[in-house]
PDB file of N, CA and C in Angstrom:
ATOM      1  N   MET A   1       0.818  -1.206   0.000  1.00  0.00           N
ATOM      2  CA  MET A   1       0.000   0.000   0.000  1.00  0.00           C
ATOM      3  C   MET A   1       0.851   1.254   0.000  1.00  0.00           C
ATOM      4  N   ASP A   2       2.007   1.192  -0.592  1.00  0.00           N
ATOM      5  CA  ASP A   2       2.852   2.371  -0.664  1.00  0.00           C
ATOM      6  C   ASP A   2       2.297   3.419  -1.627  1.00  0.00           C
ATOM      7  N   ASN A   3       1.265   3.058  -2.352  1.00  0.00           N
ATOM      8  CA  ASN A   3       0.701   3.996  -3.316  1.00  0.00           C
ATOM      9  C   ASN A   3      -0.265   4.993  -2.678  1.00  0.00           C
ATOM     10  N   ILE A   4      -0.610   4.789  -1.414  1.00  0.00           N
ATOM     11  CA  ILE A   4      -1.483   5.735  -0.726  1.00  0.00           C
ATOM     12  C   ILE A   4      -0.794   6.258   0.528  1.00  0.00           C
ATOM     13  N   ASN A   5      -1.206   7.444   0.948  1.00  0.00           N
ATOM     14  CA  ASN A   5      -0.656   8.075   2.148  1.00  0.00           C
ATOM     15  C   ASN A   5      -1.593   7.756   3.319  1.00  0.00           C
ATOM     16  N   LYS A   6      -1.340   6.610   3.965  1.00  0.00           N
ATOM     17  CA  LYS A   6      -2.235   6.139   5.019  1.00  0.00           C
ATOM     18  C   LYS A   6      -2.339   7.121   6.191  1.00  0.00           C
ATOM     19  N   LYS A   7      -1.231   7.740   6.539  1.00  0.00           N
ATOM     20  CA  LYS A   7      -1.256   8.682   7.665  1.00  0.00           C
ATOM     21  C   LYS A   7      -2.208   9.843   7.364  1.00  0.00           C
ATOM     22  N   TYR A   8      -2.081  10.408   6.180  1.00  0.00           N
ATOM     23  CA  TYR A   8      -2.964  11.512   5.783  1.00  0.00           C
ATOM     24  C   TYR A   8      -4.420  11.055   5.761  1.00  0.00           C
ATOM     25  N   ILE A   9      -4.662   9.889   5.185  1.00  0.00           N
ATOM     26  CA  ILE A   9      -6.028   9.365   5.084  1.00  0.00           C
ATOM     27  C   ILE A   9      -6.605   9.132   6.479  1.00  0.00           C
ATOM     28  N   ASP A  10      -5.834   8.499   7.345  1.00  0.00           N
ATOM     29  CA  ASP A  10      -6.308   8.239   8.712  1.00  0.00           C
ATOM     30  C   ASP A  10      -6.656   9.534   9.431  1.00  0.00           C
ATOM     31  N   GLU A  11      -5.790  10.531   9.310  1.00  0.00           N
ATOM     32  CA  GLU A  11      -6.047  11.809   9.975  1.00  0.00           C
ATOM     33  C   GLU A  11      -7.292  12.480   9.417  1.00  0.00           C
ATOM     34  N   THR A  12      -7.426  12.476   8.093  1.00  0.00           N
ATOM     35  CA  THR A  12      -8.569  13.138   7.468  1.00  0.00           C
ATOM     36  C   THR A  12      -9.869  12.412   7.797  1.00  0.00           C
ATOM     37  N   VAL A  13      -9.868  11.095   7.673  1.00  0.00           N
ATOM     38  CA  VAL A  13     -11.070  10.323   7.992  1.00  0.00           C
ATOM     39  C   VAL A  13     -11.398  10.457   9.473  1.00  0.00           C
ATOM     40  N   GLY A  14     -10.373  10.584  10.316  1.00  0.00           N
ATOM     41  CA  GLY A  14     -10.608  10.786  11.747  1.00  0.00           C
ATOM     42  C   GLY A  14     -11.343  12.088  12.033  1.00  0.00           C
ATOM     43  N   ILE A  15     -11.129  13.076  11.186  1.00  0.00           N
ATOM     44  CA  ILE A  15     -11.785  14.374  11.364  1.00  0.00           C
ATOM     45  C   ILE A  15     -13.154  14.398  10.685  1.00  0.00           C
ATOM     46  N   THR A  16     -13.198  13.939   9.440  1.00  0.00           N
ATOM     47  CA  THR A  16     -14.422  14.076   8.641  1.00  0.00           C
ATOM     48  C   THR A  16     -15.337  12.868   8.693  1.00  0.00           C
ATOM     49  N   GLY A  17     -14.792  11.717   9.059  1.00  0.00           N
ATOM     50  CA  GLY A  17     -15.517  10.469   8.914  1.00  0.00           C
ATOM     51  C   GLY A  17     -15.286   9.944   7.507  1.00  0.00           C
ATOM     52  N   PRO A  18     -15.680   8.709   7.244  1.00  0.00           N
ATOM     53  CA  PRO A  18     -15.372   8.113   5.949  1.00  0.00           C
ATOM     54  C   PRO A  18     -16.234   8.615   4.788  1.00  0.00           C
ATOM     55  N   ASP A  19     -17.459   9.011   5.037  1.00  0.00           N
ATOM     56  CA  ASP A  19     -18.367   9.356   3.934  1.00  0.00           C
ATOM     57  C   ASP A  19     -17.869  10.504   3.056  1.00  0.00           C
ATOM     58  N   PRO A  20     -17.412  11.624   3.618  1.00  0.00           N
ATOM     59  CA  PRO A  20     -16.886  12.683   2.749  1.00  0.00           C
ATOM     60  C   PRO A  20     -15.659  12.234   1.962  1.00  0.00           C
ATOM     61  N   PHE A  21     -14.874  11.384   2.558  1.00  0.00           N
ATOM     62  CA  PHE A  21     -13.674  10.903   1.879  1.00  0.00           C
ATOM     63  C   PHE A  21     -14.050   9.985   0.716  1.00  0.00           C
ATOM     64  N   ILE A  22     -15.039   9.145   0.919  1.00  0.00           N
ATOM     65  CA  ILE A  22     -15.524   8.260  -0.152  1.00  0.00           C
ATOM     66  C   ILE A  22     -16.121   9.101  -1.278  1.00  0.00           C
ATOM     67  N   ALA A  23     -16.850  10.154  -0.929  1.00  0.00           N
ATOM     68  CA  ALA A  23     -17.410  11.054  -1.954  1.00  0.00           C
ATOM     69  C   ALA A  23     -16.286  11.738  -2.727  1.00  0.00           C
ATOM     70  N   ALA A  24     -15.220  12.121  -2.034  1.00  0.00           N
ATOM     71  CA  ALA A  24     -14.078  12.761  -2.697  1.00  0.00           C
ATOM     72  C   ALA A  24     -13.401  11.794  -3.662  1.00  0.00           C
ATOM     73  N   LEU A  25     -13.346  10.528  -3.308  1.00  0.00           N
ATOM     74  CA  LEU A  25     -12.772   9.513  -4.196  1.00  0.00           C
ATOM     75  C   LEU A  25     -13.603   9.387  -5.474  1.00  0.00           C
ATOM     76  N   ARG A  26     -14.914   9.393  -5.334  1.00  0.00           N
ATOM     77  CA  ARG A  26     -15.786   9.342  -6.521  1.00  0.00           C
ATOM     78  C   ARG A  26     -15.591  10.583  -7.401  1.00  0.00           C
ATOM     79  N   LEU A  27     -15.511  11.736  -6.776  1.00  0.00           N
ATOM     80  CA  LEU A  27     -15.295  12.980  -7.518  1.00  0.00           C
ATOM     81  C   LEU A  27     -13.939  12.964  -8.212  1.00  0.00           C
ATOM     82  N   PHE A  28     -12.945  12.399  -7.555  1.00  0.00           N
ATOM     83  CA  PHE A  28     -11.616  12.312  -8.151  1.00  0.00           C
ATOM     84  C   PHE A  28     -11.672  11.610  -9.501  1.00  0.00           C
ATOM     85  N   ARG A  29     -12.396  10.501  -9.587  1.00  0.00           N
ATOM     86  CA  ARG A  29     -12.461   9.747 -10.842  1.00  0.00           C
ATOM     87  C   ARG A  29     -13.033  10.618 -11.955  1.00  0.00           C
ATOM     88  N   THR A  30     -14.070  11.370 -11.668  1.00  0.00           N
ATOM     89  CA  THR A  30     -14.665  12.263 -12.665  1.00  0.00           C
ATOM     90  C   THR A  30     -13.659  13.336 -13.066  1.00  0.00           C
ATOM     91  N   GLN A  31     -13.021  13.936 -12.085  1.00  0.00           N
ATOM     92  CA  GLN A  31     -12.062  15.001 -12.360  1.00  0.00           C
ATOM     93  C   GLN A  31     -10.869  14.504 -13.159  1.00  0.00           C
ATOM     94  N   VAL A  32     -10.298  13.369 -12.769  1.00  0.00           N
ATOM     95  CA  VAL A  32      -9.097  12.890 -13.438  1.00  0.00           C
ATOM     96  C   VAL A  32      -9.395  12.559 -14.898  1.00  0.00           C
ATOM     97  N   ASN A  33     -10.558  12.015 -15.173  1.00  0.00           N
ATOM     98  CA  ASN A  33     -10.921  11.742 -16.570  1.00  0.00           C
ATOM     99  C   ASN A  33     -11.018  13.035 -17.372  1.00  0.00           C
ATOM    100  N   GLU A  34     -11.610  14.057 -16.781  1.00  0.00           N
ATOM    101  CA  GLU A  34     -11.721  15.359 -17.438  1.00  0.00           C
ATOM    102  C   GLU A  34     -10.339  15.974 -17.668  1.00  0.00           C
ATOM    103  N   TYR A  35      -9.504  15.947 -16.650  1.00  0.00           N
ATOM    104  CA  TYR A  35      -8.163  16.536 -16.764  1.00  0.00           C
ATOM    105  C   TYR A  35      -7.319  15.811 -17.818  1.00  0.00           C
ATOM    106  N   ILE A  36      -7.418  14.484 -17.860  1.00  0.00           N
ATOM    107  CA  ILE A  36      -6.669  13.722 -18.856  1.00  0.00           C
ATOM    108  C   ILE A  36      -7.156  14.054 -20.257  1.00  0.00           C
ATOM    109  N   GLY A  37      -8.465  14.157 -20.427  1.00  0.00           N
ATOM    110  CA  GLY A  37      -9.017  14.540 -21.730  1.00  0.00           C
ATOM    111  C   GLY A  37      -8.544  15.918 -22.158  1.00  0.00           C
ATOM    112  N   ASN A  38      -8.578  16.867 -21.232  1.00  0.00           N
ATOM    113  CA  ASN A  38      -8.090  18.220 -21.525  1.00  0.00           C
ATOM    114  C   ASN A  38      -6.609  18.195 -21.871  1.00  0.00           C
ATOM    115  N   CYS A  39      -5.849  17.430 -21.105  1.00  0.00           N
ATOM    116  CA  CYS A  39      -4.414  17.332 -21.326  1.00  0.00           C
ATOM    117  C   CYS A  39      -4.128  16.780 -22.720  1.00  0.00           C
ATOM    118  N   ARG A  40      -4.836  15.750 -23.095  1.00  0.00           N
ATOM    119  CA  ARG A  40      -4.675  15.154 -24.427  1.00  0.00           C
ATOM    120  C   ARG A  40      -4.970  16.188 -25.514  1.00  0.00           C
ATOM    121  N   ASP A  41      -6.067  16.929 -25.349  1.00  0.00           N
ATOM    122  CA  ASP A  41      -6.434  17.957 -26.335  1.00  0.00           C
ATOM    123  C   ASP A  41      -5.341  19.020 -26.461  1.00  0.00           C
ATOM    124  N   TYR A  42      -4.860  19.503 -25.321  1.00  0.00           N
ATOM    125  CA  TYR A  42      -3.799  20.517 -25.347  1.00  0.00           C
ATOM    126  C   TYR A  42      -2.523  19.971 -25.983  1.00  0.00           C
ATOM    127  N   PHE A  43      -2.179  18.740 -25.624  1.00  0.00           N
ATOM    128  CA  PHE A  43      -0.965  18.142 -26.164  1.00  0.00           C
ATOM    129  C   PHE A  43      -1.050  18.045 -27.690  1.00  0.00           C
ATOM    130  N   GLU A  44      -2.188  17.590 -28.182  1.00  0.00           N
ATOM    131  CA  GLU A  44      -2.358  17.437 -29.626  1.00  0.00           C
ATOM    132  C   GLU A  44      -2.293  18.772 -30.362  1.00  0.00           C
ATOM    133  N   LYS A  45      -2.653  19.850 -29.677  1.00  0.00           N
ATOM    134  CA  LYS A  45      -2.582  21.186 -30.278  1.00  0.00           C
ATOM    135  C   LYS A  45      -1.204  21.826 -30.098  1.00  0.00           C
ATOM    136  N   GLY A  46      -0.313  21.148 -29.400  1.00  0.00           N
ATOM    137  CA  GLY A  46       1.008  21.712 -29.142  1.00  0.00           C
ATOM    138  C   GLY A  46       1.009  22.744 -28.036  1.00  0.00           C
ATOM    139  N   GLU A  47      -0.032  22.778 -27.235  1.00  0.00           N
ATOM    140  CA  GLU A  47      -0.149  23.730 -26.125  1.00  0.00           C
ATOM    141  C   GLU A  47       0.367  23.040 -24.855  1.00  0.00           C
ATOM    142  N   TYR A  48       1.681  22.904 -24.790  1.00  0.00           N
ATOM    143  CA  TYR A  48       2.313  22.082 -23.764  1.00  0.00           C
ATOM    144  C   TYR A  48       2.191  22.659 -22.361  1.00  0.00           C
ATOM    145  N   GLU A  49       2.232  23.967 -22.231  1.00  0.00           N
ATOM    146  CA  GLU A  49       2.083  24.563 -20.897  1.00  0.00           C
ATOM    147  C   GLU A  49       0.693  24.261 -20.341  1.00  0.00           C
ATOM    148  N   ASP A  50      -0.330  24.380 -21.198  1.00  0.00           N
ATOM    149  CA  ASP A  50      -1.686  24.079 -20.743  1.00  0.00           C
ATOM    150  C   ASP A  50      -1.848  22.586 -20.437  1.00  0.00           C
ATOM    151  N   ALA A  51      -1.214  21.746 -21.238  1.00  0.00           N
ATOM    152  CA  ALA A  51      -1.228  20.306 -20.954  1.00  0.00           C
ATOM    153  C   ALA A  51      -0.573  20.046 -19.600  1.00  0.00           C
ATOM    154  N   GLY A  52       0.538  20.720 -19.337  1.00  0.00           N
ATOM    155  CA  GLY A  52       1.217  20.586 -18.053  1.00  0.00           C
ATOM    156  C   GLY A  52       0.346  21.040 -16.891  1.00  0.00           C
ATOM    157  N   LYS A  53      -0.437  22.081 -17.101  1.00  0.00           N
ATOM    158  CA  LYS A  53      -1.333  22.566 -16.046  1.00  0.00           C
ATOM    159  C   LYS A  53      -2.381  21.512 -15.695  1.00  0.00           C
ATOM    160  N   GLU A  54      -2.854  20.782 -16.686  1.00  0.00           N
ATOM    161  CA  GLU A  54      -3.835  19.723 -16.427  1.00  0.00           C
ATOM    162  C   GLU A  54      -3.197  18.596 -15.609  1.00  0.00           C
ATOM    163  N   LEU A  55      -1.965  18.255 -15.923  1.00  0.00           N
ATOM    164  CA  LEU A  55      -1.255  17.248 -15.123  1.00  0.00           C
ATOM    165  C   LEU A  55      -1.033  17.759 -13.705  1.00  0.00           C
ATOM    166  N   HIS A  56      -0.780  19.046 -13.573  1.00  0.00           N
ATOM    167  CA  HIS A  56      -0.618  19.643 -12.248  1.00  0.00           C
ATOM    168  C   HIS A  56      -1.930  19.547 -11.451  1.00  0.00           C
ATOM    169  N   LYS A  57      -3.047  19.736 -12.112  1.00  0.00           N
ATOM    170  CA  LYS A  57      -4.356  19.584 -11.449  1.00  0.00           C
ATOM    171  C   LYS A  57      -4.545  18.148 -10.964  1.00  0.00           C
ATOM    172  N   ILE A  58      -4.117  17.192 -11.794  1.00  0.00           N
ATOM    173  CA  ILE A  58      -4.224  15.788 -11.386  1.00  0.00           C
ATOM    174  C   ILE A  58      -3.383  15.553 -10.142  1.00  0.00           C
ATOM    175  N   LYS A  59      -2.189  16.123 -10.122  1.00  0.00           N
ATOM    176  CA  LYS A  59      -1.318  15.987  -8.951  1.00  0.00           C
ATOM    177  C   LYS A  59      -2.021  16.507  -7.694  1.00  0.00           C
ATOM    178  N   GLY A  60      -2.621  17.674  -7.801  1.00  0.00           N
ATOM    179  CA  GLY A  60      -3.314  18.249  -6.651  1.00  0.00           C
ATOM    180  C   GLY A  60      -4.517  17.440  -6.216  1.00  0.00           C
ATOM    181  N   ALA A  61      -5.299  16.978  -7.180  1.00  0.00           N
ATOM    182  CA  ALA A  61      -6.480  16.183  -6.848  1.00  0.00           C
ATOM    183  C   ALA A  61      -6.078  14.868  -6.181  1.00  0.00           C
ATOM    184  N   ALA A  62      -5.044  14.227  -6.709  1.00  0.00           N
ATOM    185  CA  ALA A  62      -4.571  12.968  -6.126  1.00  0.00           C
ATOM    186  C   ALA A  62      -4.035  13.189  -4.712  1.00  0.00           C
ATOM    187  N   SER A  63      -3.282  14.252  -4.528  1.00  0.00           N
ATOM    188  CA  SER A  63      -2.739  14.567  -3.204  1.00  0.00           C
ATOM    189  C   SER A  63      -3.850  14.807  -2.195  1.00  0.00           C
ATOM    190  N   SER A  64      -4.921  15.438  -2.640  1.00  0.00           N
ATOM    191  CA  SER A  64      -5.998  15.812  -1.715  1.00  0.00           C
ATOM    192  C   SER A  64      -6.736  14.619  -1.130  1.00  0.00           C
ATOM    193  N   ILE A  65      -6.600  13.442  -1.758  1.00  0.00           N
ATOM    194  CA  ILE A  65      -7.247  12.255  -1.195  1.00  0.00           C
ATOM    195  C   ILE A  65      -6.238  11.163  -0.841  1.00  0.00           C
ATOM    196  N   GLY A  66      -4.970  11.538  -0.767  1.00  0.00           N
ATOM    197  CA  GLY A  66      -3.961  10.603  -0.291  1.00  0.00           C
ATOM    198  C   GLY A  66      -3.413   9.629  -1.314  1.00  0.00           C
ATOM    199  N   LEU A  67      -3.638   9.892  -2.596  1.00  0.00           N
ATOM    200  CA  LEU A  67      -3.105   9.016  -3.638  1.00  0.00           C
ATOM    201  C   LEU A  67      -1.710   9.507  -4.021  1.00  0.00           C
ATOM    202  N   SER A  68      -0.768   9.222  -3.148  1.00  0.00           N
ATOM    203  CA  SER A  68       0.575   9.786  -3.276  1.00  0.00           C
ATOM    204  C   SER A  68       1.326   9.285  -4.502  1.00  0.00           C
ATOM    205  N   ARG A  69       1.180   8.024  -4.871  1.00  0.00           N
ATOM    206  CA  ARG A  69       1.880   7.521  -6.058  1.00  0.00           C
ATOM    207  C   ARG A  69       1.387   8.235  -7.310  1.00  0.00           C
ATOM    208  N   LEU A  70       0.078   8.429  -7.416  1.00  0.00           N
ATOM    209  CA  LEU A  70      -0.477   9.138  -8.574  1.00  0.00           C
ATOM    210  C   LEU A  70       0.004  10.583  -8.598  1.00  0.00           C
ATOM    211  N   ALA A  71       0.017  11.218  -7.452  1.00  0.00           N
ATOM    212  CA  ALA A  71       0.478  12.607  -7.387  1.00  0.00           C
ATOM    213  C   ALA A  71       1.931  12.709  -7.843  1.00  0.00           C
ATOM    214  N   ASP A  72       2.758  11.803  -7.361  1.00  0.00           N
ATOM    215  CA  ASP A  72       4.170  11.808  -7.750  1.00  0.00           C
ATOM    216  C   ASP A  72       4.335  11.574  -9.254  1.00  0.00           C
ATOM    217  N   ASN A  73       3.570  10.634  -9.789  1.00  0.00           N
ATOM    218  CA  ASN A  73       3.683  10.344 -11.219  1.00  0.00           C
ATOM    219  C   ASN A  73       3.147  11.474 -12.077  1.00  0.00           C
ATOM    220  N   ALA A  74       2.070  12.111 -11.641  1.00  0.00           N
ATOM    221  CA  ALA A  74       1.544  13.250 -12.397  1.00  0.00           C
ATOM    222  C   ALA A  74       2.577  14.380 -12.435  1.00  0.00           C
ATOM    223  N   LYS A  75       3.247  14.602 -11.322  1.00  0.00           N
ATOM    224  CA  LYS A  75       4.287  15.639 -11.279  1.00  0.00           C
ATOM    225  C   LYS A  75       5.437  15.281 -12.219  1.00  0.00           C
ATOM    226  N   LYS A  76       5.856  14.022 -12.176  1.00  0.00           N
ATOM    227  CA  LYS A  76       6.944  13.562 -13.051  1.00  0.00           C
ATOM    228  C   LYS A  76       6.553  13.732 -14.523  1.00  0.00           C
ATOM    229  N   MET A  77       5.315  13.362 -14.849  1.00  0.00           N
ATOM    230  CA  MET A  77       4.843  13.504 -16.224  1.00  0.00           C
ATOM    231  C   MET A  77       4.800  14.967 -16.640  1.00  0.00           C
ATOM    232  N   GLU A  78       4.317  15.813 -15.749  1.00  0.00           N
ATOM    233  CA  GLU A  78       4.250  17.249 -16.040  1.00  0.00           C
ATOM    234  C   GLU A  78       5.633  17.801 -16.366  1.00  0.00           C
ATOM    235  N   LEU A  79       6.598  17.493 -15.533  1.00  0.00           N
ATOM    236  CA  LEU A  79       7.951  18.013 -15.738  1.00  0.00           C
ATOM    237  C   LEU A  79       8.567  17.467 -17.029  1.00  0.00           C
ATOM    238  N   GLU A  80       8.355  16.190 -17.290  1.00  0.00           N
ATOM    239  CA  GLU A  80       8.903  15.585 -18.498  1.00  0.00           C
ATOM    240  C   GLU A  80       8.244  16.158 -19.751  1.00  0.00           C
ATOM    241  N   LEU A  81       6.929  16.324 -19.721  1.00  0.00           N
ATOM    242  CA  LEU A  81       6.214  16.896 -20.858  1.00  0.00           C
ATOM    243  C   LEU A  81       6.721  18.307 -21.156  1.00  0.00           C
ATOM    244  N   LEU A  82       6.875  19.105 -20.126  1.00  0.00           N
ATOM    245  CA  LEU A  82       7.336  20.477 -20.334  1.00  0.00           C
ATOM    246  C   LEU A  82       8.788  20.525 -20.795  1.00  0.00           C
ATOM    247  N   LYS A  83       9.551  19.506 -20.459  1.00  0.00           N
ATOM    248  CA  LYS A  83      10.952  19.467 -20.851  1.00  0.00           C
ATOM    249  C   LYS A  83      11.120  19.068 -22.319  1.00  0.00           C
ATOM    250  N   ILE A  84      10.420  18.016 -22.753  1.00  0.00           N
ATOM    251  CA  ILE A  84      10.655  17.520 -24.109  1.00  0.00           C
ATOM    252  C   ILE A  84       9.494  17.787 -25.069  1.00  0.00           C
ATOM    253  N   ARG A  85       8.423  18.347 -24.558  1.00  0.00           N
ATOM    254  CA  ARG A  85       7.282  18.826 -25.351  1.00  0.00           C
ATOM    255  C   ARG A  85       6.793  17.821 -26.380  1.00  0.00           C
ATOM    256  N   GLY A  86       6.887  18.121 -27.651  1.00  0.00           N
ATOM    257  CA  GLY A  86       6.330  17.284 -28.717  1.00  0.00           C
ATOM    258  C   GLY A  86       6.934  15.899 -28.802  1.00  0.00           C
ATOM    259  N   GLN A  87       8.076  15.682 -28.189  1.00  0.00           N
ATOM    260  CA  GLN A  87       8.728  14.371 -28.194  1.00  0.00           C
ATOM    261  C   GLN A  87       8.224  13.469 -27.061  1.00  0.00           C
ATOM    262  N   TYR A  88       7.364  14.025 -26.207  1.00  0.00           N
ATOM    263  CA  TYR A  88       6.851  13.277 -25.056  1.00  0.00           C
ATOM    264  C   TYR A  88       5.947  12.149 -25.541  1.00  0.00           C
ATOM    265  N   GLY A  89       6.128  10.962 -25.025  1.00  0.00           N
ATOM    266  CA  GLY A  89       5.306   9.802 -25.392  1.00  0.00           C
ATOM    267  C   GLY A  89       3.988   9.804 -24.652  1.00  0.00           C
ATOM    268  N   PHE A  90       3.155  10.784 -24.967  1.00  0.00           N
ATOM    269  CA  PHE A  90       1.928  11.035 -24.213  1.00  0.00           C
ATOM    270  C   PHE A  90       1.023   9.806 -24.123  1.00  0.00           C
ATOM    271  N   ASP A  91       0.708   9.185 -25.254  1.00  0.00           N
ATOM    272  CA  ASP A  91      -0.245   8.076 -25.245  1.00  0.00           C
ATOM    273  C   ASP A  91       0.215   6.923 -24.367  1.00  0.00           C
ATOM    274  N   ALA A  92       1.470   6.556 -24.480  1.00  0.00           N
ATOM    275  CA  ALA A  92       1.999   5.458 -23.670  1.00  0.00           C
ATOM    276  C   ALA A  92       1.997   5.823 -22.184  1.00  0.00           C
ATOM    277  N   GLU A  93       2.401   7.038 -21.881  1.00  0.00           N
ATOM    278  CA  GLU A  93       2.444   7.468 -20.477  1.00  0.00           C
ATOM    279  C   GLU A  93       1.043   7.529 -19.868  1.00  0.00           C
ATOM    280  N   ILE A  94       0.094   8.044 -20.617  1.00  0.00           N
ATOM    281  CA  ILE A  94      -1.277   8.143 -20.104  1.00  0.00           C
ATOM    282  C   ILE A  94      -1.892   6.759 -19.931  1.00  0.00           C
ATOM    283  N   ALA A  95      -1.590   5.837 -20.815  1.00  0.00           N
ATOM    284  CA  ALA A  95      -2.111   4.473 -20.673  1.00  0.00           C
ATOM    285  C   ALA A  95      -1.625   3.848 -19.362  1.00  0.00           C
ATOM    286  N   VAL A  96      -0.345   3.987 -19.075  1.00  0.00           N
ATOM    287  CA  VAL A  96       0.215   3.462 -17.830  1.00  0.00           C
ATOM    288  C   VAL A  96      -0.400   4.195 -16.640  1.00  0.00           C
ATOM    289  N   PHE A  97      -0.532   5.508 -16.760  1.00  0.00           N
ATOM    290  CA  PHE A  97      -1.091   6.306 -15.670  1.00  0.00           C
ATOM    291  C   PHE A  97      -2.534   5.885 -15.384  1.00  0.00           C
ATOM    292  N   ASN A  98      -3.328   5.652 -16.426  1.00  0.00           N
ATOM    293  CA  ASN A  98      -4.720   5.223 -16.220  1.00  0.00           C
ATOM    294  C   ASN A  98      -4.790   3.890 -15.486  1.00  0.00           C
ATOM    295  N   GLU A  99      -3.866   2.991 -15.769  1.00  0.00           N
ATOM    296  CA  GLU A  99      -3.813   1.730 -15.028  1.00  0.00           C
ATOM    297  C   GLU A  99      -3.519   1.994 -13.554  1.00  0.00           C
ATOM    298  N   MET A 100      -2.595   2.916 -13.294  1.00  0.00           N
ATOM    299  CA  MET A 100      -2.271   3.276 -11.913  1.00  0.00           C
ATOM    300  C   MET A 100      -3.481   3.877 -11.208  1.00  0.00           C
ATOM    301  N   VAL A 101      -4.238   4.709 -11.926  1.00  0.00           N
ATOM    302  CA  VAL A 101      -5.430   5.321 -11.330  1.00  0.00           C
ATOM    303  C   VAL A 101      -6.370   4.224 -10.854  1.00  0.00           C
ATOM    304  N   SER A 102      -6.649   3.257 -11.702  1.00  0.00           N
ATOM    305  CA  SER A 102      -7.550   2.164 -11.328  1.00  0.00           C
ATOM    306  C   SER A 102      -7.017   1.373 -10.141  1.00  0.00           C
ATOM    307  N   GLU A 103      -5.734   1.038 -10.183  1.00  0.00           N
ATOM    308  CA  GLU A 103      -5.123   0.284  -9.083  1.00  0.00           C
ATOM    309  C   GLU A 103      -5.181   1.060  -7.771  1.00  0.00           C
ATOM    310  N   ASP A 104      -4.809   2.328  -7.828  1.00  0.00           N
ATOM    311  CA  ASP A 104      -4.724   3.119  -6.603  1.00  0.00           C
ATOM    312  C   ASP A 104      -6.100   3.455  -6.046  1.00  0.00           C
ATOM    313  N   GLU A 105      -7.067   3.663  -6.915  1.00  0.00           N
ATOM    314  CA  GLU A 105      -8.440   3.866  -6.435  1.00  0.00           C
ATOM    315  C   GLU A 105      -8.937   2.620  -5.717  1.00  0.00           C
ATOM    316  N   ALA A 106      -8.645   1.454  -6.284  1.00  0.00           N
ATOM    317  CA  ALA A 106      -9.056   0.206  -5.644  1.00  0.00           C
ATOM    318  C   ALA A 106      -8.365   0.036  -4.300  1.00  0.00           C
ATOM    319  N   THR A 107      -7.082   0.336  -4.251  1.00  0.00           N
ATOM    320  CA  THR A 107      -6.336   0.234  -2.992  1.00  0.00           C
ATOM    321  C   THR A 107      -6.930   1.167  -1.942  1.00  0.00           C
ATOM    322  N   LEU A 108      -7.208   2.395  -2.343  1.00  0.00           N
ATOM    323  CA  LEU A 108      -7.785   3.358  -1.398  1.00  0.00           C
ATOM    324  C   LEU A 108      -9.168   2.905  -0.952  1.00  0.00           C
ATOM    325  N   GLY A 109      -9.981   2.424  -1.881  1.00  0.00           N
ATOM    326  CA  GLY A 109     -11.315   1.929  -1.514  1.00  0.00           C
ATOM    327  C   GLY A 109     -11.236   0.793  -0.512  1.00  0.00           C
ATOM    328  N   GLN A 110     -10.325  -0.152  -0.736  1.00  0.00           N
ATOM    329  CA  GLN A 110     -10.157  -1.270   0.196  1.00  0.00           C
ATOM    330  C   GLN A 110      -9.654  -0.770   1.552  1.00  0.00           C
ATOM    331  N   TYR A 111      -8.747   0.175   1.529  1.00  0.00           N
ATOM    332  CA  TYR A 111      -8.226   0.715   2.781  1.00  0.00           C
ATOM    333  C   TYR A 111      -9.337   1.408   3.574  1.00  0.00           C
ATOM    334  N   LEU A 112     -10.152   2.183   2.880  1.00  0.00           N
ATOM    335  CA  LEU A 112     -11.249   2.866   3.569  1.00  0.00           C
ATOM    336  C   LEU A 112     -12.215   1.856   4.186  1.00  0.00           C
ATOM    337  N   LYS A 113     -12.471   0.755   3.492  1.00  0.00           N
ATOM    338  CA  LYS A 113     -13.358  -0.294   4.032  1.00  0.00           C
ATOM    339  C   LYS A 113     -12.753  -0.951   5.251  1.00  0.00           C
ATOM    340  N   SER A 114     -11.428  -0.972   5.343  1.00  0.00           N
ATOM    341  CA  SER A 114     -10.767  -1.643   6.465  1.00  0.00           C
ATOM    342  C   SER A 114     -10.737  -0.786   7.730  1.00  0.00           C
ATOM    343  N   LEU A 115     -11.042   0.494   7.607  1.00  0.00           N
ATOM    344  CA  LEU A 115     -11.004   1.373   8.764  1.00  0.00           C
ATOM    345  C   LEU A 115     -12.168   1.069   9.695  1.00  0.00           C
ATOM    346  N   PRO A 116     -11.942   1.200  10.995  1.00  0.00           N
ATOM    347  CA  PRO A 116     -13.036   0.963  11.936  1.00  0.00           C
ATOM    348  C   PRO A 116     -14.149   1.999  11.741  1.00  0.00           C
ATOM    349  N   VAL A 117     -15.368   1.549  11.859  1.00  0.00           N
ATOM    350  CA  VAL A 117     -16.522   2.435  11.728  1.00  0.00           C
ATOM    351  C   VAL A 117     -16.730   3.111  13.064  1.00  0.00           C
ATOM    352  N   SER A 118     -16.775   4.445  13.027  1.00  0.00           N
ATOM    353  CA  SER A 118     -16.991   5.188  14.276  1.00  0.00           C
ATOM    354  C   SER A 118     -18.483   5.385  14.488  1.00  0.00           C
ATOM    355  N   SER A 119     -18.870   5.443  15.727  1.00  0.00           N
ATOM    356  CA  SER A 119     -20.298   5.605  16.016  1.00  0.00           C
ATOM    357  C   SER A 119     -20.616   6.946  16.620  1.00  0.00           C
TER     358      SER A 119
END
């Protein structure tokens, strides 16, 4: 479970309870799909700074719910895209990233289910 920030999740769920966190996870999936679509559009137009901004949004959204591996990878992708621009292997990188999103969402969902229910 190195792909999630358990300490952050535990602290946040301890304050808010699990329901807001579960809702944030659902919202994350909608947001990340939108950001990836926007990023793809910008990349195809050669608007690399705007594509990088979308990856930066993914980093922030992932961080906000404790998906640390995704946040780190989004940052790495952003920096690499801005460095090599049109030579960036966008499709291959996004395919791998989408697999990570699914894996990490599942890990976070299982972790949230494992937390004790407070009364």
